[in-house]
C-alpha atoms as a PDB file:
ATOM      1  CA  MET A   1    -130.870-126.309  37.678  1.00  0.00           C
ATOM      2  CA  ASP A   2    -127.464-125.775  37.570  1.00  0.00           C
ATOM      3  CA  GLN A   3    -126.430-128.275  35.303  1.00  0.00           C
ATOM      4  CA  SER A   4    -125.437-127.355  31.669  1.00  0.00           C
ATOM      5  CA  VAL A   5    -125.631-129.498  28.504  1.00  0.00           C
ATOM      6  CA  SER A   6    -123.026-130.424  27.063  1.00  0.00           C
ATOM      7  CA  HIS A   7    -123.516-131.321  23.137  1.00  0.00           C
ATOM      8  CA  SER A   8    -120.529-133.026  22.014  1.00  0.00           C
ATOM      9  CA  ASN A   9    -118.382-136.233  23.968  1.00  0.00           C
ATOM     10  CA  THR A  10    -114.836-134.071  23.414  1.00  0.00           C
ATOM     11  CA  PRO A  11    -112.639-134.937  26.062  1.00  0.00           C
ATOM     12  CA  VAL A  12    -111.285-131.682  28.335  1.00  0.00           C
ATOM     13  CA  PHE A  13    -108.006-131.349  27.810  1.00  0.00           C
ATOM     14  CA  ASP A  14    -105.468-130.034  30.144  1.00  0.00           C
ATOM     15  CA  VAL A  15    -102.415-128.994  28.802  1.00  0.00           C
ATOM     16  CA  VAL A  16    -101.681-127.852  25.516  1.00  0.00           C
ATOM     17  CA  GLU A  17     -98.590-129.695  24.228  1.00  0.00           C
ATOM     18  CA  SER A  18     -96.093-128.096  21.373  1.00  0.00           C
ATOM     19  CA  GLN A  19     -95.939-129.914  17.864  1.00  0.00           C
ATOM     20  CA  THR A  20     -92.855-129.599  17.198  1.00  0.00           C
ATOM     21  CA  THR A  21     -91.189-132.190  19.098  1.00  0.00           C
ATOM     22  CA  GLN A  22     -88.072-133.306  18.194  1.00  0.00           C
ATOM     23  CA  ILE A  23     -89.386-136.249  16.600  1.00  0.00           C
ATOM     24  CA  LEU A  24     -91.189-134.231  14.421  1.00  0.00           C
ATOM     25  CA  TYR A  25     -89.009-131.516  13.301  1.00  0.00           C
ATOM     26  CA  GLN A  26     -85.850-131.953  11.661  1.00  0.00           C
ATOM     27  CA  GLU A  27     -83.069-129.473  11.004  1.00  0.00           C
ATOM     28  CA  PRO A  28     -82.651-129.369   7.035  1.00  0.00           C
ATOM     29  CA  THR A  29     -80.229-130.558   5.348  1.00  0.00           C
ATOM     30  CA  GLN A  30     -77.246-129.432   3.921  1.00  0.00           C
ATOM     31  CA  GLU A  31     -78.326-130.662   0.031  1.00  0.00           C
ATOM     32  CA  GLU A  32     -82.043-129.596   1.329  1.00  0.00           C
ATOM     33  CA  LEU A  33     -80.701-126.166   2.017  1.00  0.00           C
ATOM     34  CA  TYR A  34     -78.387-125.617  -0.900  1.00  0.00           C
ATOM     35  CA  SER A  35     -79.973-128.052  -3.506  1.00  0.00           C
ATOM     36  CA  LYS A  36     -78.856-127.630  -7.193  1.00  0.00           C
ATOM     37  CA  PRO A  37     -78.452-124.555  -9.172  1.00  0.00           C
ATOM     38  CA  VAL A  38     -80.622-124.521 -12.189  1.00  0.00           C
ATOM     39  CA  ASN A  39     -78.737-124.965 -15.723  1.00  0.00           C
ATOM     40  CA  ILE A  40     -79.949-121.678 -17.416  1.00  0.00           C
ATOM     41  CA  PHE A  41     -77.275-123.286 -20.326  1.00  0.00           C
ATOM     42  CA  ARG A  42     -79.806-126.593 -20.776  1.00  0.00           C
ATOM     43  CA  ASN A  43     -82.899-124.588 -20.287  1.00  0.00           C
ATOM     44  CA  LEU A  44     -82.166-122.061 -22.817  1.00  0.00           C
ATOM     45  CA  CYS A  45     -81.250-124.710 -25.915  1.00  0.00           C
ATOM     46  CA  ALA A  46     -84.434-126.673 -24.901  1.00  0.00           C
ATOM     47  CA  VAL A  47     -86.147-123.540 -25.773  1.00  0.00           C
ATOM     48  CA  LEU A  48     -84.266-122.730 -28.795  1.00  0.00           C
ATOM     49  CA  VAL A  49     -84.723-126.039 -29.798  1.00  0.00           C
ATOM     50  CA  ILE A  50     -88.666-125.556 -29.639  1.00  0.00           C
ATOM     51  CA  PHE A  51     -88.263-122.084 -30.964  1.00  0.00           C
ATOM     52  CA  ILE A  52     -86.481-123.642 -33.877  1.00  0.00           C
ATOM     53  CA  SER A  53     -89.003-126.339 -34.579  1.00  0.00           C
ATOM     54  CA  LEU A  54     -91.784-124.011 -34.344  1.00  0.00           C
ATOM     55  CA  ALA A  55     -90.206-121.344 -37.319  1.00  0.00           C
ATOM     56  CA  SER A  56     -89.268-124.065 -39.333  1.00  0.00           C
ATOM     57  CA  MET A  57     -92.963-125.838 -39.589  1.00  0.00           C
ATOM     58  CA  VAL A  58     -94.139-121.531 -40.137  1.00  0.00           C
ATOM     59  CA  TYR A  59     -91.912-121.573 -42.956  1.00  0.00           C
ATOM     60  CA  ILE A  60     -92.206-124.628 -44.489  1.00  0.00           C
ATOM     61  CA  ALA A  61     -95.980-123.868 -44.387  1.00  0.00           C
ATOM     62  CA  VAL A  62     -95.463-120.545 -45.735  1.00  0.00           C
ATOM     63  CA  VAL A  63     -93.154-121.718 -48.943  1.00  0.00           C
ATOM     64  CA  ALA A  64     -95.711-124.535 -49.840  1.00  0.00           C
ATOM     65  CA  ASP A  65     -98.594-122.176 -49.711  1.00  0.00           C
ATOM     66  CA  ASP A  66     -96.081-119.711 -51.700  1.00  0.00           C
ATOM     67  CA  ASN A  67     -95.591-122.606 -54.423  1.00  0.00           C
ATOM     68  CA  VAL A  68     -98.964-123.737 -54.614  1.00  0.00           C
ATOM     69  CA  ALA A  69     -99.796-120.122 -55.538  1.00  0.00           C
ATOM     70  CA  VAL A  70     -97.621-120.024 -57.800  1.00  0.00           C
ATOM     71  CA  SER A  71     -98.533-123.119 -59.478  1.00  0.00           C
ATOM     72  CA  GLN A  72    -102.084-122.210 -59.646  1.00  0.00           C
ATOM     73  CA  MET A  73    -100.855-118.566 -61.454  1.00  0.00           C
ATOM     74  CA  GLN A  74     -98.959-120.553 -63.888  1.00  0.00           C
ATOM     75  CA  LYS A  75    -101.710-122.495 -64.875  1.00  0.00           C
ATOM     76  CA  ALA A  76    -104.218-119.887 -65.123  1.00  0.00           C
ATOM     77  CA  GLU A  77    -101.484-118.168 -67.623  1.00  0.00           C
ATOM     78  CA  GLY A  78    -101.532-121.142 -69.398  1.00  0.00           C
ATOM     79  CA  ILE A  79    -105.230-121.137 -70.192  1.00  0.00           C
ATOM     80  CA  GLU A  80    -105.282-117.829 -71.126  1.00  0.00           C
ATOM     81  CA  LYS A  81    -102.911-118.036 -73.509  1.00  0.00           C
ATOM     82  CA  SER A  82    -104.141-120.751 -76.058  1.00  0.00           C
END
């Protein structure tokens, strides 16, 4: 029994070819090499706008809560005096 058993029908390849042929591989262009620099000023402004918006909403909530507490205290003092 000199026969070997093959478990698949895959073909036998003789030559190993490179996958980086001229068609597949292209040098990067100048635009890809040197992309536009990040606009730090625009990013900083966007972060500041978000921060100011959140801070103002928190301030408004704190002031509104403080005004409610003051009005409740004034009502309680008015009831006690009469």
